Amino acid sequence: MNIQFLLVGGIIFAVYVGLTFWNIFYSHRKQREENYPNLRKNKFANANIPSQVDSDETDNKDGL
């Protein structure tokens, strides 16, 4: 009888922990979609585009 209570309690606890983690990750994803709809999924999608800061590719340390 005691082992049955332990097994049922363990199963209930495992389901509880699994659903808690699912809720955390699901809520995080939905919050990101709602608050930042234009956020690119691949942050480095435009990594090959040259920077506009120093377009002449010279070493202008003095700004001259």
PDB file of N, CA and C in Angstrom:
ATOM      1  N   MET A   1       0.823  -1.192   0.000  1.00  0.00           N
ATOM      2  CA  MET A   1       0.000   0.000   0.000  1.00  0.00           C
ATOM      3  C   MET A   1       0.866   1.254   0.000  1.00  0.00           C
ATOM      4  N   ASN A   2       1.941   1.267   0.776  1.00  0.00           N
ATOM      5  CA  ASN A   2       2.808   2.444   0.839  1.00  0.00           C
ATOM      6  C   ASN A   2       3.529   2.686  -0.481  1.00  0.00           C
ATOM      7  N   ILE A   3       3.952   1.623  -1.151  1.00  0.00           N
ATOM      8  CA  ILE A   3       4.652   1.770  -2.427  1.00  0.00           C
ATOM      9  C   ILE A   3       3.709   2.316  -3.494  1.00  0.00           C
ATOM     10  N   GLN A   4       2.436   1.979  -3.401  1.00  0.00           N
ATOM     11  CA  GLN A   4       1.462   2.497  -4.366  1.00  0.00           C
ATOM     12  C   GLN A   4       1.264   3.998  -4.183  1.00  0.00           C
ATOM     13  N   PHE A   5       1.206   4.428  -2.928  1.00  0.00           N
ATOM     14  CA  PHE A   5       1.093   5.867  -2.671  1.00  0.00           C
ATOM     15  C   PHE A   5       2.335   6.598  -3.190  1.00  0.00           C
ATOM     16  N   LEU A   6       3.484   5.993  -3.005  1.00  0.00           N
ATOM     17  CA  LEU A   6       4.726   6.599  -3.479  1.00  0.00           C
ATOM     18  C   LEU A   6       4.733   6.707  -5.003  1.00  0.00           C
ATOM     19  N   LEU A   7       4.303   5.666  -5.701  1.00  0.00           N
ATOM     20  CA  LEU A   7       4.269   5.692  -7.161  1.00  0.00           C
ATOM     21  C   LEU A   7       3.258   6.713  -7.685  1.00  0.00           C
ATOM     22  N   VAL A   8       2.071   6.747  -7.108  1.00  0.00           N
ATOM     23  CA  VAL A   8       1.058   7.698  -7.553  1.00  0.00           C
ATOM     24  C   VAL A   8       1.521   9.126  -7.271  1.00  0.00           C
ATOM     25  N   GLY A   9       2.096   9.349  -6.111  1.00  0.00           N
ATOM     26  CA  GLY A   9       2.620  10.679  -5.772  1.00  0.00           C
ATOM     27  C   GLY A   9       3.760  11.081  -6.692  1.00  0.00           C
ATOM     28  N   GLY A  10       4.622  10.155  -7.027  1.00  0.00           N
ATOM     29  CA  GLY A  10       5.727  10.438  -7.937  1.00  0.00           C
ATOM     30  C   GLY A  10       5.240  10.787  -9.335  1.00  0.00           C
ATOM     31  N   ILE A  11       4.217  10.077  -9.792  1.00  0.00           N
ATOM     32  CA  ILE A  11       3.657  10.371 -11.117  1.00  0.00           C
ATOM     33  C   ILE A  11       2.995  11.743 -11.126  1.00  0.00           C
ATOM     34  N   ILE A  12       2.224  12.032 -10.089  1.00  0.00           N
ATOM     35  CA  ILE A  12       1.574  13.348 -10.006  1.00  0.00           C
ATOM     36  C   ILE A  12       2.624  14.459  -9.943  1.00  0.00           C
ATOM     37  N   PHE A  13       3.670  14.258  -9.168  1.00  0.00           N
ATOM     38  CA  PHE A  13       4.732  15.261  -9.055  1.00  0.00           C
ATOM     39  C   PHE A  13       5.452  15.448 -10.388  1.00  0.00           C
ATOM     40  N   ALA A  14       5.741  14.359 -11.098  1.00  0.00           N
ATOM     41  CA  ALA A  14       6.425  14.459 -12.389  1.00  0.00           C
ATOM     42  C   ALA A  14       5.564  15.214 -13.405  1.00  0.00           C
ATOM     43  N   VAL A  15       4.269  14.949 -13.412  1.00  0.00           N
ATOM     44  CA  VAL A  15       3.370  15.668 -14.318  1.00  0.00           C
ATOM     45  C   VAL A  15       3.336  17.143 -13.944  1.00  0.00           C
ATOM     46  N   TYR A  16       3.284  17.437 -12.657  1.00  0.00           N
ATOM     47  CA  TYR A  16       3.264  18.824 -12.181  1.00  0.00           C
ATOM     48  C   TYR A  16       4.527  19.574 -12.613  1.00  0.00           C
ATOM     49  N   VAL A  17       5.681  18.970 -12.422  1.00  0.00           N
ATOM     50  CA  VAL A  17       6.944  19.617 -12.799  1.00  0.00           C
ATOM     51  C   VAL A  17       7.016  19.794 -14.312  1.00  0.00           C
ATOM     52  N   GLY A  18       6.595  18.791 -15.066  1.00  0.00           N
ATOM     53  CA  GLY A  18       6.612  18.894 -16.525  1.00  0.00           C
ATOM     54  C   GLY A  18       5.712  20.008 -17.021  1.00  0.00           C
ATOM     55  N   LEU A  19       4.502  20.097 -16.480  1.00  0.00           N
ATOM     56  CA  LEU A  19       3.587  21.159 -16.900  1.00  0.00           C
ATOM     57  C   LEU A  19       4.064  22.539 -16.444  1.00  0.00           C
ATOM     58  N   THR A  20       4.747  22.606 -15.316  1.00  0.00           N
ATOM     59  CA  THR A  20       5.293  23.888 -14.855  1.00  0.00           C
ATOM     60  C   THR A  20       6.360  24.386 -15.819  1.00  0.00           C
ATOM     61  N   PHE A  21       7.276  23.522 -16.227  1.00  0.00           N
ATOM     62  CA  PHE A  21       8.302  23.929 -17.186  1.00  0.00           C
ATOM     63  C   PHE A  21       7.688  24.277 -18.538  1.00  0.00           C
ATOM     64  N   TRP A  22       6.694  23.510 -18.983  1.00  0.00           N
ATOM     65  CA  TRP A  22       6.025  23.818 -20.240  1.00  0.00           C
ATOM     66  C   TRP A  22       5.380  25.196 -20.170  1.00  0.00           C
ATOM     67  N   ASN A  23       4.745  25.511 -19.052  1.00  0.00           N
ATOM     68  CA  ASN A  23       4.094  26.812 -18.883  1.00  0.00           C
ATOM     69  C   ASN A  23       5.116  27.939 -18.917  1.00  0.00           C
ATOM     70  N   ILE A  24       6.259  27.748 -18.288  1.00  0.00           N
ATOM     71  CA  ILE A  24       7.301  28.778 -18.285  1.00  0.00           C
ATOM     72  C   ILE A  24       7.787  29.043 -19.708  1.00  0.00           C
ATOM     73  N   PHE A  25       8.126  28.018 -20.450  1.00  0.00           N
ATOM     74  CA  PHE A  25       8.652  28.203 -21.799  1.00  0.00           C
ATOM     75  C   PHE A  25       7.590  28.719 -22.755  1.00  0.00           C
ATOM     76  N   TYR A  26       6.356  28.236 -22.618  1.00  0.00           N
ATOM     77  CA  TYR A  26       5.272  28.694 -23.487  1.00  0.00           C
ATOM     78  C   TYR A  26       4.974  30.172 -23.234  1.00  0.00           C
ATOM     79  N   SER A  27       4.908  30.564 -21.973  1.00  0.00           N
ATOM     80  CA  SER A  27       4.636  31.966 -21.637  1.00  0.00           C
ATOM     81  C   SER A  27       5.763  32.874 -22.115  1.00  0.00           C
ATOM     82  N   HIS A  28       6.990  32.420 -21.995  1.00  0.00           N
ATOM     83  CA  HIS A  28       8.132  33.202 -22.450  1.00  0.00           C
ATOM     84  C   HIS A  28       8.051  33.440 -23.954  1.00  0.00           C
ATOM     85  N   ARG A  29       7.734  32.400 -24.704  1.00  0.00           N
ATOM     86  CA  ARG A  29       7.642  32.521 -26.159  1.00  0.00           C
ATOM     87  C   ARG A  29       6.491  33.440 -26.569  1.00  0.00           C
ATOM     88  N   LYS A  30       5.345  33.293 -25.935  1.00  0.00           N
ATOM     89  CA  LYS A  30       4.200  34.142 -26.272  1.00  0.00           C
ATOM     90  C   LYS A  30       4.462  35.597 -25.902  1.00  0.00           C
ATOM     91  N   GLN A  31       5.115  35.830 -24.765  1.00  0.00           N
ATOM     92  CA  GLN A  31       5.419  37.200 -24.362  1.00  0.00           C
ATOM     93  C   GLN A  31       6.391  37.843 -25.346  1.00  0.00           C
ATOM     94  N   ARG A  32       7.365  37.094 -25.822  1.00  0.00           N
ATOM     95  CA  ARG A  32       8.297  37.624 -26.801  1.00  0.00           C
ATOM     96  C   ARG A  32       7.581  37.965 -28.098  1.00  0.00           C
ATOM     97  N   GLU A  33       6.665  37.106 -28.534  1.00  0.00           N
ATOM     98  CA  GLU A  33       5.923  37.368 -29.766  1.00  0.00           C
ATOM     99  C   GLU A  33       5.026  38.600 -29.628  1.00  0.00           C
ATOM    100  N   GLU A  34       4.396  38.779 -28.476  1.00  0.00           N
ATOM    101  CA  GLU A  34       3.478  39.903 -28.285  1.00  0.00           C
ATOM    102  C   GLU A  34       4.208  41.225 -28.076  1.00  0.00           C
ATOM    103  N   ASN A  35       5.319  41.205 -27.346  1.00  0.00           N
ATOM    104  CA  ASN A  35       6.015  42.449 -27.015  1.00  0.00           C
ATOM    105  C   ASN A  35       7.028  42.863 -28.070  1.00  0.00           C
ATOM    106  N   TYR A  36       7.583  41.914 -28.807  1.00  0.00           N
ATOM    107  CA  TYR A  36       8.594  42.213 -29.821  1.00  0.00           C
ATOM    108  C   TYR A  36       8.222  41.514 -31.129  1.00  0.00           C
ATOM    109  N   PRO A  37       7.154  41.946 -31.797  1.00  0.00           N
ATOM    110  CA  PRO A  37       6.719  41.218 -33.000  1.00  0.00           C
ATOM    111  C   PRO A  37       7.685  41.345 -34.167  1.00  0.00           C
ATOM    112  N   ASN A  38       8.510  42.386 -34.209  1.00  0.00           N
ATOM    113  CA  ASN A  38       9.425  42.589 -35.330  1.00  0.00           C
ATOM    114  C   ASN A  38      10.821  42.054 -35.056  1.00  0.00           C
ATOM    115  N   LEU A  39      11.016  41.412 -33.929  1.00  0.00           N
ATOM    116  CA  LEU A  39      12.324  40.867 -33.587  1.00  0.00           C
ATOM    117  C   LEU A  39      12.630  39.699 -34.511  1.00  0.00           C
ATOM    118  N   ARG A  40      13.785  39.796 -35.172  1.00  0.00           N
ATOM    119  CA  ARG A  40      14.161  38.720 -36.086  1.00  0.00           C
ATOM    120  C   ARG A  40      14.527  37.479 -35.301  1.00  0.00           C
ATOM    121  N   LYS A  41      14.160  36.321 -35.818  1.00  0.00           N
ATOM    122  CA  LYS A  41      14.511  35.079 -35.145  1.00  0.00           C
ATOM    123  C   LYS A  41      16.001  34.813 -35.269  1.00  0.00           C
ATOM    124  N   ASN A  42      16.596  35.177 -36.417  1.00  0.00           N
ATOM    125  CA  ASN A  42      18.022  35.011 -36.612  1.00  0.00           C
ATOM    126  C   ASN A  42      18.670  36.382 -36.456  1.00  0.00           C
ATOM    127  N   LYS A  43      19.299  36.613 -35.331  1.00  0.00           N
ATOM    128  CA  LYS A  43      19.875  37.926 -35.042  1.00  0.00           C
ATOM    129  C   LYS A  43      21.028  38.262 -35.977  1.00  0.00           C
ATOM    130  N   PHE A  44      21.643  37.248 -36.548  1.00  0.00           N
ATOM    131  CA  PHE A  44      22.805  37.477 -37.393  1.00  0.00           C
ATOM    132  C   PHE A  44      22.465  37.299 -38.870  1.00  0.00           C
ATOM    133  N   ALA A  45      21.237  37.560 -39.243  1.00  0.00           N
ATOM    134  CA  ALA A  45      20.819  37.380 -40.635  1.00  0.00           C
ATOM    135  C   ALA A  45      21.519  38.372 -41.550  1.00  0.00           C
ATOM    136  N   ASN A  46      21.799  39.577 -41.079  1.00  0.00           N
ATOM    137  CA  ASN A  46      22.444  40.603 -41.888  1.00  0.00           C
ATOM    138  C   ASN A  46      23.910  40.776 -41.512  1.00  0.00           C
ATOM    139  N   ALA A  47      24.563  39.720 -41.082  1.00  0.00           N
ATOM    140  CA  ALA A  47      25.946  39.818 -40.629  1.00  0.00           C
ATOM    141  C   ALA A  47      26.902  40.114 -41.786  1.00  0.00           C
ATOM    142  N   ASN A  48      26.535  39.767 -43.016  1.00  0.00           N
ATOM    143  CA  ASN A  48      27.430  39.974 -44.149  1.00  0.00           C
ATOM    144  C   ASN A  48      27.282  41.353 -44.776  1.00  0.00           C
ATOM    145  N   ILE A  49      26.345  42.142 -44.297  1.00  0.00           N
ATOM    146  CA  ILE A  49      26.161  43.488 -44.828  1.00  0.00           C
ATOM    147  C   ILE A  49      27.214  44.395 -44.201  1.00  0.00           C
ATOM    148  N   PRO A  50      27.981  45.144 -45.014  1.00  0.00           N
ATOM    149  CA  PRO A  50      29.026  45.994 -44.442  1.00  0.00           C
ATOM    150  C   PRO A  50      28.441  47.124 -43.606  1.00  0.00           C
ATOM    151  N   SER A  51      29.218  47.546 -42.652  1.00  0.00           N
ATOM    152  CA  SER A  51      28.787  48.611 -41.757  1.00  0.00           C
ATOM    153  C   SER A  51      28.771  49.951 -42.482  1.00  0.00           C
ATOM    154  N   GLN A  52      27.826  50.807 -42.128  1.00  0.00           N
ATOM    155  CA  GLN A  52      27.714  52.130 -42.729  1.00  0.00           C
ATOM    156  C   GLN A  52      28.596  53.156 -42.013  1.00  0.00           C
ATOM    157  N   VAL A  53      29.212  52.779 -40.891  1.00  0.00           N
ATOM    158  CA  VAL A  53      29.987  53.729 -40.095  1.00  0.00           C
ATOM    159  C   VAL A  53      31.237  54.165 -40.840  1.00  0.00           C
ATOM    160  N   ASP A  54      31.992  53.241 -41.377  1.00  0.00           N
ATOM    161  CA  ASP A  54      33.239  53.565 -42.069  1.00  0.00           C
ATOM    162  C   ASP A  54      33.185  52.952 -43.461  1.00  0.00           C
ATOM    163  N   SER A  55      32.429  53.562 -44.341  1.00  0.00           N
ATOM    164  CA  SER A  55      32.172  52.957 -45.636  1.00  0.00           C
ATOM    165  C   SER A  55      33.352  53.073 -46.601  1.00  0.00           C
ATOM    166  N   ASP A  56      34.304  53.991 -46.364  1.00  0.00           N
ATOM    167  CA  ASP A  56      35.428  54.093 -47.285  1.00  0.00           C
ATOM    168  C   ASP A  56      36.565  53.151 -46.914  1.00  0.00           C
ATOM    169  N   GLU A  57      36.381  52.372 -45.857  1.00  0.00           N
ATOM    170  CA  GLU A  57      37.323  51.344 -45.422  1.00  0.00           C
ATOM    171  C   GLU A  57      38.733  51.880 -45.156  1.00  0.00           C
ATOM    172  N   THR A  58      38.833  53.093 -44.669  1.00  0.00           N
ATOM    173  CA  THR A  58      40.125  53.639 -44.280  1.00  0.00           C
ATOM    174  C   THR A  58      40.183  53.725 -42.771  1.00  0.00           C
ATOM    175  N   ASP A  59      41.370  53.929 -42.278  1.00  0.00           N
ATOM    176  CA  ASP A  59      41.569  53.991 -40.834  1.00  0.00           C
ATOM    177  C   ASP A  59      41.548  55.451 -40.398  1.00  0.00           C
ATOM    178  N   ASN A  60      40.355  55.982 -40.183  1.00  0.00           N
ATOM    179  CA  ASN A  60      40.190  57.391 -39.831  1.00  0.00           C
ATOM    180  C   ASN A  60      40.144  57.553 -38.317  1.00  0.00           C
ATOM    181  N   LYS A  61      41.293  57.481 -37.668  1.00  0.00           N
ATOM    182  CA  LYS A  61      41.320  57.607 -36.225  1.00  0.00           C
ATOM    183  C   LYS A  61      41.145  59.069 -35.785  1.00  0.00           C
ATOM    184  N   ASP A  62      41.663  60.010 -36.594  1.00  0.00           N
ATOM    185  CA  ASP A  62      41.566  61.417 -36.237  1.00  0.00           C
ATOM    186  C   ASP A  62      40.291  62.066 -36.761  1.00  0.00           C
ATOM    187  N   GLY A  63      39.584  61.383 -37.615  1.00  0.00           N
ATOM    188  CA  GLY A  63      38.411  61.940 -38.224  1.00  0.00           C
ATOM    189  C   GLY A  63      38.740  62.892 -39.353  1.00  0.00           C
ATOM    190  N   LEU A  64      39.965  62.843 -39.873  1.00  0.00           N
ATOM    191  CA  LEU A  64      40.395  63.719 -40.976  1.00  0.00           C
ATOM    192  C   LEU A  64      40.315  63.014 -42.290  1.00  0.00           C
TER     193      LEU A  64
END
